[in-house]
PDB file of N, CA and C in Angstrom:
ATOM      1  N   MET A   1      71.737  70.233 -24.488  1.00  0.00           N
ATOM      2  CA  MET A   1      70.849  70.536 -23.335  1.00  0.00           C
ATOM      3  C   MET A   1      69.594  71.209 -23.851  1.00  0.00           C
ATOM      4  N   ARG A   2      69.695  72.070 -24.855  1.00  0.00           N
ATOM      5  CA  ARG A   2      68.542  72.735 -25.397  1.00  0.00           C
ATOM      6  C   ARG A   2      67.592  71.661 -25.929  1.00  0.00           C
ATOM      7  N   PHE A   3      68.117  70.699 -26.672  1.00  0.00           N
ATOM      8  CA  PHE A   3      67.252  69.618 -27.365  1.00  0.00           C
ATOM      9  C   PHE A   3      66.508  68.847 -26.189  1.00  0.00           C
ATOM     10  N   PHE A   4      67.275  68.565 -25.127  1.00  0.00           N
ATOM     11  CA  PHE A   4      66.693  67.829 -24.000  1.00  0.00           C
ATOM     12  C   PHE A   4      65.496  68.543 -23.459  1.00  0.00           C
ATOM     13  N   LEU A   5      65.634  69.820 -23.109  1.00  0.00           N
ATOM     14  CA  LEU A   5      64.544  70.650 -22.588  1.00  0.00           C
ATOM     15  C   LEU A   5      63.418  70.773 -23.492  1.00  0.00           C
ATOM     16  N   LEU A   6      63.681  70.926 -24.807  1.00  0.00           N
ATOM     17  CA  LEU A   6      62.670  71.003 -25.712  1.00  0.00           C
ATOM     18  C   LEU A   6      61.836  69.677 -25.877  1.00  0.00           C
ATOM     19  N   SER A   7      62.594  68.516 -25.743  1.00  0.00           N
ATOM     20  CA  SER A   7      61.897  67.280 -25.779  1.00  0.00           C
ATOM     21  C   SER A   7      61.026  67.088 -24.542  1.00  0.00           C
ATOM     22  N   ILE A   8      61.484  67.471 -23.374  1.00  0.00           N
ATOM     23  CA  ILE A   8      60.625  67.373 -22.169  1.00  0.00           C
ATOM     24  C   ILE A   8      59.390  68.213 -22.306  1.00  0.00           C
ATOM     25  N   LEU A   9      59.583  69.444 -22.734  1.00  0.00           N
ATOM     26  CA  LEU A   9      58.398  70.363 -22.951  1.00  0.00           C
ATOM     27  C   LEU A   9      57.368  69.747 -23.928  1.00  0.00           C
ATOM     28  N   CYS A  10      57.966  69.147 -25.012  1.00  0.00           N
ATOM     29  CA  CYS A  10      57.049  68.567 -26.061  1.00  0.00           C
ATOM     30  C   CYS A  10      56.211  67.430 -25.482  1.00  0.00           C
ATOM     31  N   LEU A  11      56.932  66.457 -24.713  1.00  0.00           N
ATOM     32  CA  LEU A  11      56.230  65.384 -24.037  1.00  0.00           C
ATOM     33  C   LEU A  11      55.302  65.829 -23.011  1.00  0.00           C
ATOM     34  N   MET A  12      55.561  66.840 -22.348  1.00  0.00           N
ATOM     35  CA  MET A  12      54.565  67.317 -21.327  1.00  0.00           C
ATOM     36  C   MET A  12      53.309  67.871 -22.022  1.00  0.00           C
ATOM     37  N   SER A  13      53.483  68.591 -23.082  1.00  0.00           N
ATOM     38  CA  SER A  13      52.314  69.136 -23.881  1.00  0.00           C
ATOM     39  C   SER A  13      51.470  68.096 -24.451  1.00  0.00           C
ATOM     40  N   ILE A  14      52.060  66.907 -24.937  1.00  0.00           N
ATOM     41  CA  ILE A  14      51.295  65.862 -25.446  1.00  0.00           C
ATOM     42  C   ILE A  14      50.458  65.206 -24.427  1.00  0.00           C
ATOM     43  N   GLY A  15      51.085  65.047 -23.165  1.00  0.00           N
ATOM     44  CA  GLY A  15      50.276  64.446 -22.104  1.00  0.00           C
ATOM     45  C   GLY A  15      49.103  65.228 -21.680  1.00  0.00           C
ATOM     46  N   CYS A  16      49.059  66.486 -21.979  1.00  0.00           N
ATOM     47  CA  CYS A  16      47.933  67.347 -21.633  1.00  0.00           C
ATOM     48  C   CYS A  16      46.971  67.560 -22.721  1.00  0.00           C
ATOM     49  N   ALA A  17      47.326  67.087 -23.911  1.00  0.00           N
ATOM     50  CA  ALA A  17      46.461  67.334 -25.122  1.00  0.00           C
ATOM     51  C   ALA A  17      45.093  66.856 -25.056  1.00  0.00           C
ATOM     52  N   GLY A  18      44.905  65.707 -24.362  1.00  0.00           N
ATOM     53  CA  GLY A  18      43.602  65.136 -24.284  1.00  0.00           C
ATOM     54  C   GLY A  18      42.701  65.585 -23.145  1.00  0.00           C
ATOM     55  N   ARG A  19      43.255  66.443 -22.246  1.00  0.00           N
ATOM     56  CA  ARG A  19      42.430  66.936 -21.204  1.00  0.00           C
ATOM     57  C   ARG A  19      41.445  68.040 -21.683  1.00  0.00           C
ATOM     58  N   PRO A  20      40.189  67.952 -21.264  1.00  0.00           N
ATOM     59  CA  PRO A  20      39.161  68.836 -21.659  1.00  0.00           C
ATOM     60  C   PRO A  20      39.311  70.177 -21.014  1.00  0.00           C
ATOM     61  N   THR A  21      38.972  71.237 -21.727  1.00  0.00           N
ATOM     62  CA  THR A  21      38.942  72.543 -21.110  1.00  0.00           C
ATOM     63  C   THR A  21      37.760  72.658 -20.162  1.00  0.00           C
ATOM     64  N   ALA A  22      37.781  73.675 -19.337  1.00  0.00           N
ATOM     65  CA  ALA A  22      36.713  73.882 -18.431  1.00  0.00           C
ATOM     66  C   ALA A  22      35.372  74.054 -19.155  1.00  0.00           C
ATOM     67  N   SER A  23      35.292  74.758 -20.243  1.00  0.00           N
ATOM     68  CA  SER A  23      34.126  74.984 -20.996  1.00  0.00           C
ATOM     69  C   SER A  23      33.645  73.712 -21.627  1.00  0.00           C
ATOM     70  N   GLU A  24      34.597  72.808 -22.109  1.00  0.00           N
ATOM     71  CA  GLU A  24      34.192  71.584 -22.704  1.00  0.00           C
ATOM     72  C   GLU A  24      33.537  70.646 -21.689  1.00  0.00           C
ATOM     73  N   GLU A  25      34.155  70.683 -20.503  1.00  0.00           N
ATOM     74  CA  GLU A  25      33.629  69.846 -19.364  1.00  0.00           C
ATOM     75  C   GLU A  25      32.239  70.317 -18.915  1.00  0.00           C
ATOM     76  N   MET A  26      32.047  71.682 -18.905  1.00  0.00           N
ATOM     77  CA  MET A  26      30.753  72.211 -18.357  1.00  0.00           C
ATOM     78  C   MET A  26      29.709  71.866 -19.463  1.00  0.00           C
ATOM     79  N   ARG A  27      30.012  72.009 -20.765  1.00  0.00           N
ATOM     80  CA  ARG A  27      29.163  71.634 -21.831  1.00  0.00           C
ATOM     81  C   ARG A  27      28.693  70.270 -21.774  1.00  0.00           C
ATOM     82  N   PHE A  28      29.689  69.356 -21.573  1.00  0.00           N
ATOM     83  CA  PHE A  28      29.424  67.906 -21.482  1.00  0.00           C
ATOM     84  C   PHE A  28      28.453  67.663 -20.359  1.00  0.00           C
ATOM     85  N   MET A  29      28.801  68.155 -19.191  1.00  0.00           N
ATOM     86  CA  MET A  29      27.944  67.839 -18.017  1.00  0.00           C
ATOM     87  C   MET A  29      26.520  68.371 -18.206  1.00  0.00           C
ATOM     88  N   ALA A  30      26.350  69.484 -18.801  1.00  0.00           N
ATOM     89  CA  ALA A  30      25.022  70.122 -18.938  1.00  0.00           C
ATOM     90  C   ALA A  30      24.213  69.380 -20.001  1.00  0.00           C
ATOM     91  N   SER A  31      24.908  68.643 -20.887  1.00  0.00           N
ATOM     92  CA  SER A  31      24.202  68.002 -22.047  1.00  0.00           C
ATOM     93  C   SER A  31      24.078  66.530 -21.877  1.00  0.00           C
ATOM     94  N   ILE A  32      24.308  65.959 -20.698  1.00  0.00           N
ATOM     95  CA  ILE A  32      24.179  64.512 -20.498  1.00  0.00           C
ATOM     96  C   ILE A  32      22.751  64.089 -20.827  1.00  0.00           C
ATOM     97  N   PRO A  33      22.504  63.209 -21.712  1.00  0.00           N
ATOM     98  CA  PRO A  33      21.148  62.876 -22.132  1.00  0.00           C
ATOM     99  C   PRO A  33      20.343  62.329 -20.878  1.00  0.00           C
ATOM    100  N   LYS A  34      19.046  62.815 -20.898  1.00  0.00           N
ATOM    101  CA  LYS A  34      18.082  62.402 -19.945  1.00  0.00           C
ATOM    102  C   LYS A  34      16.870  61.884 -20.755  1.00  0.00           C
ATOM    103  N   CYS A  35      16.225  60.918 -20.123  1.00  0.00           N
ATOM    104  CA  CYS A  35      14.949  60.377 -20.728  1.00  0.00           C
ATOM    105  C   CYS A  35      13.962  60.182 -19.640  1.00  0.00           C
ATOM    106  N   THR A  36      12.667  60.370 -20.065  1.00  0.00           N
ATOM    107  CA  THR A  36      11.555  60.153 -19.113  1.00  0.00           C
ATOM    108  C   THR A  36      10.540  59.260 -19.755  1.00  0.00           C
ATOM    109  N   GLY A  37      10.108  58.238 -19.006  1.00  0.00           N
ATOM    110  CA  GLY A  37       9.136  57.315 -19.488  1.00  0.00           C
ATOM    111  C   GLY A  37       9.752  56.232 -20.338  1.00  0.00           C
ATOM    112  N   GLU A  38       9.000  55.113 -20.481  1.00  0.00           N
ATOM    113  CA  GLU A  38       9.502  53.867 -21.120  1.00  0.00           C
ATOM    114  C   GLU A  38       9.904  54.176 -22.549  1.00  0.00           C
ATOM    115  N   LYS A  39       8.931  54.772 -23.322  1.00  0.00           N
ATOM    116  CA  LYS A  39       9.131  55.016 -24.780  1.00  0.00           C
ATOM    117  C   LYS A  39      10.355  55.868 -25.106  1.00  0.00           C
ATOM    118  N   ASN A  40      10.373  57.043 -24.346  1.00  0.00           N
ATOM    119  CA  ASN A  40      11.464  58.009 -24.617  1.00  0.00           C
ATOM    120  C   ASN A  40      12.803  57.337 -24.208  1.00  0.00           C
ATOM    121  N   CYS A  41      12.856  56.564 -23.197  1.00  0.00           N
ATOM    122  CA  CYS A  41      14.048  55.868 -22.712  1.00  0.00           C
ATOM    123  C   CYS A  41      14.526  54.839 -23.748  1.00  0.00           C
ATOM    124  N   GLU A  42      13.554  54.107 -24.273  1.00  0.00           N
ATOM    125  CA  GLU A  42      13.874  53.076 -25.284  1.00  0.00           C
ATOM    126  C   GLU A  42      14.531  53.723 -26.508  1.00  0.00           C
ATOM    127  N   PHE A  43      14.015  54.778 -26.983  1.00  0.00           N
ATOM    128  CA  PHE A  43      14.485  55.501 -28.196  1.00  0.00           C
ATOM    129  C   PHE A  43      15.977  56.001 -27.880  1.00  0.00           C
ATOM    130  N   LYS A  44      16.110  56.585 -26.768  1.00  0.00           N
ATOM    131  CA  LYS A  44      17.412  57.128 -26.470  1.00  0.00           C
ATOM    132  C   LYS A  44      18.511  56.029 -26.184  1.00  0.00           C
ATOM    133  N   TRP A  45      18.104  54.966 -25.574  1.00  0.00           N
ATOM    134  CA  TRP A  45      19.033  53.826 -25.263  1.00  0.00           C
ATOM    135  C   TRP A  45      19.377  53.177 -26.600  1.00  0.00           C
ATOM    136  N   ALA A  46      18.400  53.052 -27.504  1.00  0.00           N
ATOM    137  CA  ALA A  46      18.680  52.513 -28.958  1.00  0.00           C
ATOM    138  C   ALA A  46      19.675  53.467 -29.620  1.00  0.00           C
ATOM    139  N   ALA A  47      19.508  54.789 -29.498  1.00  0.00           N
ATOM    140  CA  ALA A  47      20.403  55.790 -30.112  1.00  0.00           C
ATOM    141  C   ALA A  47      21.766  55.643 -29.470  1.00  0.00           C
ATOM    142  N   ALA A  48      21.949  55.427 -28.190  1.00  0.00           N
ATOM    143  CA  ALA A  48      23.228  55.258 -27.542  1.00  0.00           C
ATOM    144  C   ALA A  48      23.940  54.027 -28.185  1.00  0.00           C
ATOM    145  N   ARG A  49      23.142  52.983 -28.317  1.00  0.00           N
ATOM    146  CA  ARG A  49      23.715  51.704 -28.888  1.00  0.00           C
ATOM    147  C   ARG A  49      24.202  51.954 -30.299  1.00  0.00           C
ATOM    148  N   ARG A  50      23.376  52.622 -31.116  1.00  0.00           N
ATOM    149  CA  ARG A  50      23.725  52.906 -32.479  1.00  0.00           C
ATOM    150  C   ARG A  50      25.068  53.710 -32.567  1.00  0.00           C
ATOM    151  N   TRP A  51      25.118  54.749 -31.723  1.00  0.00           N
ATOM    152  CA  TRP A  51      26.325  55.586 -31.675  1.00  0.00           C
ATOM    153  C   TRP A  51      27.567  54.674 -31.337  1.00  0.00           C
ATOM    154  N   MET A  52      27.502  53.843 -30.340  1.00  0.00           N
ATOM    155  CA  MET A  52      28.563  52.990 -29.928  1.00  0.00           C
ATOM    156  C   MET A  52      29.022  52.043 -31.052  1.00  0.00           C
ATOM    157  N   VAL A  53      28.054  51.509 -31.835  1.00  0.00           N
ATOM    158  CA  VAL A  53      28.373  50.641 -32.853  1.00  0.00           C
ATOM    159  C   VAL A  53      29.010  51.293 -34.099  1.00  0.00           C
ATOM    160  N   THR A  54      28.564  52.514 -34.373  1.00  0.00           N
ATOM    161  CA  THR A  54      29.021  53.185 -35.562  1.00  0.00           C
ATOM    162  C   THR A  54      30.234  54.110 -35.336  1.00  0.00           C
ATOM    163  N   GLU A  55      30.444  54.562 -34.146  1.00  0.00           N
ATOM    164  CA  GLU A  55      31.523  55.615 -33.949  1.00  0.00           C
ATOM    165  C   GLU A  55      32.758  55.080 -33.230  1.00  0.00           C
ATOM    166  N   LEU A  56      32.795  53.908 -32.599  1.00  0.00           N
ATOM    167  CA  LEU A  56      33.864  53.375 -31.952  1.00  0.00           C
ATOM    168  C   LEU A  56      34.612  52.248 -32.687  1.00  0.00           C
ATOM    169  N   THR A  57      35.845  52.103 -32.409  1.00  0.00           N
ATOM    170  CA  THR A  57      36.748  51.070 -33.041  1.00  0.00           C
ATOM    171  C   THR A  57      36.436  49.694 -32.537  1.00  0.00           C
ATOM    172  N   GLU A  58      36.017  49.566 -31.239  1.00  0.00           N
ATOM    173  CA  GLU A  58      35.778  48.355 -30.587  1.00  0.00           C
ATOM    174  C   GLU A  58      34.399  47.837 -30.667  1.00  0.00           C
ATOM    175  N   LYS A  59      34.152  46.533 -30.815  1.00  0.00           N
ATOM    176  CA  LYS A  59      32.790  46.010 -30.804  1.00  0.00           C
ATOM    177  C   LYS A  59      32.220  45.966 -29.449  1.00  0.00           C
ATOM    178  N   LEU A  60      30.856  45.914 -29.337  1.00  0.00           N
ATOM    179  CA  LEU A  60      30.199  45.733 -28.067  1.00  0.00           C
ATOM    180  C   LEU A  60      30.474  44.356 -27.492  1.00  0.00           C
ATOM    181  N   GLN A  61      30.872  44.426 -26.154  1.00  0.00           N
ATOM    182  CA  GLN A  61      31.138  43.179 -25.400  1.00  0.00           C
ATOM    183  C   GLN A  61      29.824  42.815 -24.618  1.00  0.00           C
ATOM    184  N   HIS A  62      29.292  43.815 -23.919  1.00  0.00           N
ATOM    185  CA  HIS A  62      28.108  43.671 -23.067  1.00  0.00           C
ATOM    186  C   HIS A  62      27.077  44.654 -23.431  1.00  0.00           C
ATOM    187  N   HIS A  63      25.852  44.187 -23.426  1.00  0.00           N
ATOM    188  CA  HIS A  63      24.684  45.082 -23.835  1.00  0.00           C
ATOM    189  C   HIS A  63      23.499  44.578 -22.950  1.00  0.00           C
ATOM    190  N   GLY A  64      22.921  45.442 -22.217  1.00  0.00           N
ATOM    191  CA  GLY A  64      21.759  45.132 -21.382  1.00  0.00           C
ATOM    192  C   GLY A  64      20.725  46.326 -21.360  1.00  0.00           C
ATOM    193  N   PRO A  65      19.788  46.227 -20.561  1.00  0.00           N
ATOM    194  CA  PRO A  65      18.786  47.298 -20.452  1.00  0.00           C
ATOM    195  C   PRO A  65      19.249  48.686 -19.760  1.00  0.00           C
ATOM    196  N   ASP A  66      20.395  48.515 -19.089  1.00  0.00           N
ATOM    197  CA  ASP A  66      20.883  49.814 -18.387  1.00  0.00           C
ATOM    198  C   ASP A  66      22.405  49.897 -18.409  1.00  0.00           C
ATOM    199  N   PHE A  67      23.150  49.013 -19.242  1.00  0.00           N
ATOM    200  CA  PHE A  67      24.574  49.049 -19.278  1.00  0.00           C
ATOM    201  C   PHE A  67      25.078  48.427 -20.552  1.00  0.00           C
ATOM    202  N   MET A  68      26.085  49.070 -21.191  1.00  0.00           N
ATOM    203  CA  MET A  68      26.702  48.480 -22.385  1.00  0.00           C
ATOM    204  C   MET A  68      28.148  48.919 -22.317  1.00  0.00           C
ATOM    205  N   GLU A  69      28.934  48.092 -22.880  1.00  0.00           N
ATOM    206  CA  GLU A  69      30.401  48.333 -22.863  1.00  0.00           C
ATOM    207  C   GLU A  69      31.097  47.618 -24.039  1.00  0.00           C
ATOM    208  N   THR A  70      32.150  48.288 -24.582  1.00  0.00           N
ATOM    209  CA  THR A  70      32.814  47.648 -25.658  1.00  0.00           C
ATOM    210  C   THR A  70      33.950  46.819 -25.122  1.00  0.00           C
ATOM    211  N   PHE A  71      34.561  46.089 -26.042  1.00  0.00           N
ATOM    212  CA  PHE A  71      35.738  45.329 -25.643  1.00  0.00           C
ATOM    213  C   PHE A  71      36.882  46.344 -25.284  1.00  0.00           C
ATOM    214  N   ASP A  72      37.805  46.015 -24.546  1.00  0.00           N
ATOM    215  CA  ASP A  72      38.971  46.898 -24.234  1.00  0.00           C
ATOM    216  C   ASP A  72      39.889  46.923 -25.409  1.00  0.00           C
ATOM    217  N   PRO A  73      40.312  48.079 -25.838  1.00  0.00           N
ATOM    218  CA  PRO A  73      41.215  48.165 -26.965  1.00  0.00           C
ATOM    219  C   PRO A  73      42.546  47.494 -26.627  1.00  0.00           C
ATOM    220  N   GLU A  74      42.983  46.532 -27.499  1.00  0.00           N
ATOM    221  CA  GLU A  74      44.269  45.876 -27.287  1.00  0.00           C
ATOM    222  C   GLU A  74      45.480  46.697 -27.548  1.00  0.00           C
ATOM    223  N   GLU A  75      45.513  47.440 -28.650  1.00  0.00           N
ATOM    224  CA  GLU A  75      46.675  48.207 -29.009  1.00  0.00           C
ATOM    225  C   GLU A  75      46.274  49.679 -29.264  1.00  0.00           C
ATOM    226  N   ASN A  76      45.550  49.892 -30.324  1.00  0.00           N
ATOM    227  CA  ASN A  76      45.165  51.242 -30.736  1.00  0.00           C
ATOM    228  C   ASN A  76      43.645  51.281 -30.883  1.00  0.00           C
ATOM    229  N   GLY A  77      43.012  52.114 -30.213  1.00  0.00           N
ATOM    230  CA  GLY A  77      41.544  52.224 -30.240  1.00  0.00           C
ATOM    231  C   GLY A  77      40.927  52.904 -29.059  1.00  0.00           C
ATOM    232  N   ILE A  78      39.620  52.932 -29.137  1.00  0.00           N
ATOM    233  CA  ILE A  78      38.847  53.622 -28.115  1.00  0.00           C
ATOM    234  C   ILE A  78      37.749  52.672 -27.653  1.00  0.00           C
ATOM    235  N   GLY A  79      37.655  52.583 -26.349  1.00  0.00           N
ATOM    236  CA  GLY A  79      36.546  51.834 -25.682  1.00  0.00           C
ATOM    237  C   GLY A  79      35.591  52.681 -24.969  1.00  0.00           C
ATOM    238  N   ALA A  80      34.447  52.238 -24.609  1.00  0.00           N
ATOM    239  CA  ALA A  80      33.471  53.015 -23.932  1.00  0.00           C
ATOM    240  C   ALA A  80      32.573  52.185 -23.136  1.00  0.00           C
ATOM    241  N   ARG A  81      31.939  52.728 -22.146  1.00  0.00           N
ATOM    242  CA  ARG A  81      30.975  52.197 -21.278  1.00  0.00           C
ATOM    243  C   ARG A  81      29.825  53.262 -21.168  1.00  0.00           C
ATOM    244  N   VAL A  82      28.664  52.798 -21.254  1.00  0.00           N
ATOM    245  CA  VAL A  82      27.410  53.587 -21.138  1.00  0.00           C
ATOM    246  C   VAL A  82      26.552  53.031 -20.106  1.00  0.00           C
ATOM    247  N   MET A  83      26.071  53.887 -19.213  1.00  0.00           N
ATOM    248  CA  MET A  83      25.146  53.406 -18.158  1.00  0.00           C
ATOM    249  C   MET A  83      23.904  54.324 -18.157  1.00  0.00           C
ATOM    250  N   LYS A  84      22.722  53.598 -17.920  1.00  0.00           N
ATOM    251  CA  LYS A  84      21.489  54.336 -17.738  1.00  0.00           C
ATOM    252  C   LYS A  84      21.235  54.429 -16.122  1.00  0.00           C
ATOM    253  N   GLU A  85      21.400  55.615 -15.664  1.00  0.00           N
ATOM    254  CA  GLU A  85      21.364  55.902 -14.176  1.00  0.00           C
ATOM    255  C   GLU A  85      20.065  56.509 -13.786  1.00  0.00           C
ATOM    256  N   PRO A  86      19.348  55.917 -12.797  1.00  0.00           N
ATOM    257  CA  PRO A  86      18.055  56.562 -12.433  1.00  0.00           C
ATOM    258  C   PRO A  86      18.218  57.820 -11.672  1.00  0.00           C
ATOM    259  N   ILE A  87      17.414  58.819 -12.049  1.00  0.00           N
ATOM    260  CA  ILE A  87      17.407  60.122 -11.377  1.00  0.00           C
ATOM    261  C   ILE A  87      16.197  60.096 -10.361  1.00  0.00           C
ATOM    262  N   ASP A  88      15.067  59.537 -10.819  1.00  0.00           N
ATOM    263  CA  ASP A  88      13.933  59.385  -9.941  1.00  0.00           C
ATOM    264  C   ASP A  88      13.108  58.151 -10.520  1.00  0.00           C
ATOM    265  N   ASN A  89      11.892  57.971 -10.137  1.00  0.00           N
ATOM    266  CA  ASN A  89      11.122  56.817 -10.464  1.00  0.00           C
ATOM    267  C   ASN A  89      10.995  56.596 -11.982  1.00  0.00           C
ATOM    268  N   ASN A  90      10.875  57.699 -12.752  1.00  0.00           N
ATOM    269  CA  ASN A  90      10.589  57.642 -14.175  1.00  0.00           C
ATOM    270  C   ASN A  90      11.613  58.411 -15.057  1.00  0.00           C
ATOM    271  N   THR A  91      12.628  58.894 -14.517  1.00  0.00           N
ATOM    272  CA  THR A  91      13.688  59.626 -15.255  1.00  0.00           C
ATOM    273  C   THR A  91      14.990  59.079 -15.061  1.00  0.00           C
ATOM    274  N   TYR A  92      15.772  59.051 -16.191  1.00  0.00           N
ATOM    275  CA  TYR A  92      17.133  58.449 -16.123  1.00  0.00           C
ATOM    276  C   TYR A  92      18.079  59.442 -16.853  1.00  0.00           C
ATOM    277  N   ARG A  93      19.344  59.231 -16.613  1.00  0.00           N
ATOM    278  CA  ARG A  93      20.383  59.941 -17.388  1.00  0.00           C
ATOM    279  C   ARG A  93      21.307  58.885 -18.027  1.00  0.00           C
ATOM    280  N   ILE A  94      21.716  59.132 -19.280  1.00  0.00           N
ATOM    281  CA  ILE A  94      22.548  58.104 -19.964  1.00  0.00           C
ATOM    282  C   ILE A  94      23.892  58.654 -20.114  1.00  0.00           C
ATOM    283  N   VAL A  95      24.890  58.079 -19.396  1.00  0.00           N
ATOM    284  CA  VAL A  95      26.190  58.588 -19.201  1.00  0.00           C
ATOM    285  C   VAL A  95      27.239  57.721 -19.846  1.00  0.00           C
ATOM    286  N   ILE A  96      28.154  58.349 -20.600  1.00  0.00           N
ATOM    287  CA  ILE A  96      29.223  57.645 -21.220  1.00  0.00           C
ATOM    288  C   ILE A  96      30.508  57.880 -20.592  1.00  0.00           C
ATOM    289  N   ASP A  97      31.422  56.845 -20.582  1.00  0.00           N
ATOM    290  CA  ASP A  97      32.789  57.038 -20.106  1.00  0.00           C
ATOM    291  C   ASP A  97      33.632  56.356 -21.293  1.00  0.00           C
ATOM    292  N   THR A  98      34.736  56.986 -21.577  1.00  0.00           N
ATOM    293  CA  THR A  98      35.582  56.456 -22.684  1.00  0.00           C
ATOM    294  C   THR A  98      37.014  56.295 -22.176  1.00  0.00           C
ATOM    295  N   TRP A  99      37.795  55.440 -22.866  1.00  0.00           N
ATOM    296  CA  TRP A  99      39.199  55.253 -22.586  1.00  0.00           C
ATOM    297  C   TRP A  99      39.854  54.898 -23.885  1.00  0.00           C
ATOM    298  N   CYS A 100      41.206  55.128 -23.959  1.00  0.00           N
ATOM    299  CA  CYS A 100      41.900  54.788 -25.154  1.00  0.00           C
ATOM    300  C   CYS A 100      43.209  54.185 -25.002  1.00  0.00           C
ATOM    301  N   ARG A 101      43.736  53.659 -26.078  1.00  0.00           N
ATOM    302  CA  ARG A 101      45.109  53.092 -25.993  1.00  0.00           C
ATOM    303  C   ARG A 101      45.829  53.377 -27.348  1.00  0.00           C
ATOM    304  N   GLY A 102      47.066  53.632 -27.253  1.00  0.00           N
ATOM    305  CA  GLY A 102      47.904  53.911 -28.438  1.00  0.00           C
ATOM    306  C   GLY A 102      47.372  55.065 -29.313  1.00  0.00           C
ATOM    307  N   LEU A 103      47.374  54.775 -30.583  1.00  0.00           N
ATOM    308  CA  LEU A 103      46.923  55.818 -31.540  1.00  0.00           C
ATOM    309  C   LEU A 103      45.458  56.298 -31.318  1.00  0.00           C
ATOM    310  N   GLY A 104      44.661  55.525 -30.659  1.00  0.00           N
ATOM    311  CA  GLY A 104      43.250  55.917 -30.357  1.00  0.00           C
ATOM    312  C   GLY A 104      43.230  57.127 -29.526  1.00  0.00           C
ATOM    313  N   CYS A 105      44.350  57.360 -28.747  1.00  0.00           N
ATOM    314  CA  CYS A 105      44.414  58.488 -27.817  1.00  0.00           C
ATOM    315  C   CYS A 105      44.586  59.823 -28.494  1.00  0.00           C
ATOM    316  N   PHE A 106      44.839  59.795 -29.858  1.00  0.00           N
ATOM    317  CA  PHE A 106      44.920  61.090 -30.568  1.00  0.00           C
ATOM    318  C   PHE A 106      43.529  61.783 -30.791  1.00  0.00           C
ATOM    319  N   VAL A 107      42.499  60.931 -30.566  1.00  0.00           N
ATOM    320  CA  VAL A 107      41.134  61.450 -30.631  1.00  0.00           C
ATOM    321  C   VAL A 107      40.855  62.135 -29.405  1.00  0.00           C
ATOM    322  N   SER A 108      40.277  63.401 -29.374  1.00  0.00           N
ATOM    323  CA  SER A 108      39.879  64.048 -28.163  1.00  0.00           C
ATOM    324  C   SER A 108      38.686  63.324 -27.510  1.00  0.00           C
ATOM    325  N   GLU A 109      38.907  62.809 -26.319  1.00  0.00           N
ATOM    326  CA  GLU A 109      37.874  62.103 -25.612  1.00  0.00           C
ATOM    327  C   GLU A 109      36.671  63.033 -25.275  1.00  0.00           C
ATOM    328  N   ALA A 110      37.016  64.281 -24.989  1.00  0.00           N
ATOM    329  CA  ALA A 110      36.008  65.261 -24.671  1.00  0.00           C
ATOM    330  C   ALA A 110      35.032  65.503 -25.921  1.00  0.00           C
ATOM    331  N   LYS A 111      35.649  65.656 -27.098  1.00  0.00           N
ATOM    332  CA  LYS A 111      34.876  65.759 -28.321  1.00  0.00           C
ATOM    333  C   LYS A 111      34.077  64.544 -28.572  1.00  0.00           C
ATOM    334  N   LEU A 112      34.663  63.327 -28.353  1.00  0.00           N
ATOM    335  CA  LEU A 112      33.994  62.077 -28.596  1.00  0.00           C
ATOM    336  C   LEU A 112      32.742  61.989 -27.673  1.00  0.00           C
ATOM    337  N   LYS A 113      32.904  62.283 -26.367  1.00  0.00           N
ATOM    338  CA  LYS A 113      31.813  62.183 -25.423  1.00  0.00           C
ATOM    339  C   LYS A 113      30.767  63.212 -25.726  1.00  0.00           C
ATOM    340  N   GLN A 114      31.227  64.369 -26.216  1.00  0.00           N
ATOM    341  CA  GLN A 114      30.200  65.439 -26.486  1.00  0.00           C
ATOM    342  C   GLN A 114      29.394  64.978 -27.767  1.00  0.00           C
ATOM    343  N   SER A 115      30.061  64.275 -28.648  1.00  0.00           N
ATOM    344  CA  SER A 115      29.396  63.764 -29.878  1.00  0.00           C
ATOM    345  C   SER A 115      28.317  62.732 -29.480  1.00  0.00           C
ATOM    346  N   PHE A 116      28.671  61.891 -28.501  1.00  0.00           N
ATOM    347  CA  PHE A 116      27.634  60.972 -28.003  1.00  0.00           C
ATOM    348  C   PHE A 116      26.371  61.676 -27.356  1.00  0.00           C
ATOM    349  N   ASN A 117      26.627  62.653 -26.535  1.00  0.00           N
ATOM    350  CA  ASN A 117      25.588  63.418 -25.871  1.00  0.00           C
ATOM    351  C   ASN A 117      24.710  64.042 -27.010  1.00  0.00           C
ATOM    352  N   ASP A 118      25.376  64.703 -27.969  1.00  0.00           N
ATOM    353  CA  ASP A 118      24.575  65.447 -29.066  1.00  0.00           C
ATOM    354  C   ASP A 118      23.761  64.374 -29.836  1.00  0.00           C
ATOM    355  N   TYR A 119      24.330  63.248 -30.150  1.00  0.00           N
ATOM    356  CA  TYR A 119      23.563  62.231 -30.900  1.00  0.00           C
ATOM    357  C   TYR A 119      22.407  61.707 -30.201  1.00  0.00           C
ATOM    358  N   VAL A 120      22.625  61.304 -28.897  1.00  0.00           N
ATOM    359  CA  VAL A 120      21.494  60.731 -28.107  1.00  0.00           C
ATOM    360  C   VAL A 120      20.481  61.771 -27.867  1.00  0.00           C
ATOM    361  N   ASN A 121      20.880  62.995 -27.600  1.00  0.00           N
ATOM    362  CA  ASN A 121      19.862  64.023 -27.313  1.00  0.00           C
ATOM    363  C   ASN A 121      19.061  64.381 -28.588  1.00  0.00           C
ATOM    364  N   GLY A 122      19.564  64.011 -29.760  1.00  0.00           N
ATOM    365  CA  GLY A 122      18.754  64.241 -30.969  1.00  0.00           C
ATOM    366  C   GLY A 122      17.651  63.312 -31.181  1.00  0.00           C
ATOM    367  N   GLU A 123      17.552  62.251 -30.358  1.00  0.00           N
ATOM    368  CA  GLU A 123      16.401  61.297 -30.419  1.00  0.00           C
ATOM    369  C   GLU A 123      15.375  61.722 -29.442  1.00  0.00           C
ATOM    370  N   THR A 124      14.284  62.116 -29.962  1.00  0.00           N
ATOM    371  CA  THR A 124      13.158  62.559 -29.009  1.00  0.00           C
ATOM    372  C   THR A 124      12.212  61.509 -28.623  1.00  0.00           C
ATOM    373  N   GLY A 125      12.022  60.511 -29.469  1.00  0.00           N
ATOM    374  CA  GLY A 125      11.173  59.445 -29.207  1.00  0.00           C
ATOM    375  C   GLY A 125       9.729  59.893 -28.751  1.00  0.00           C
TER     376      GLY A 125
END
């Protein structure tokens, strides 16, 4: 009985391991990359593409001027979608969403998404 309860508690803790803390979520939301003007947006969009190509296990499946997405991981890996969303006539935000399968889920998605924000924000253009 003790082993059974311990197993249940262990499985429950694994299920929650990938959930971001409130401070991680606040930091992520506050650091979503923004760009203003054509040149600045081109630099940041190129940085977003570079990050996707170098940091993810899956290859790009779709890539356009305001949307890119990797292939869906078949067994173990991480996939992502990035969108350039208008804020006003000349300003955009570049937002990432990630998902995982199998062993890819051992990577913290919150840390991965923050890594994306930090990388793209480092491009000033």
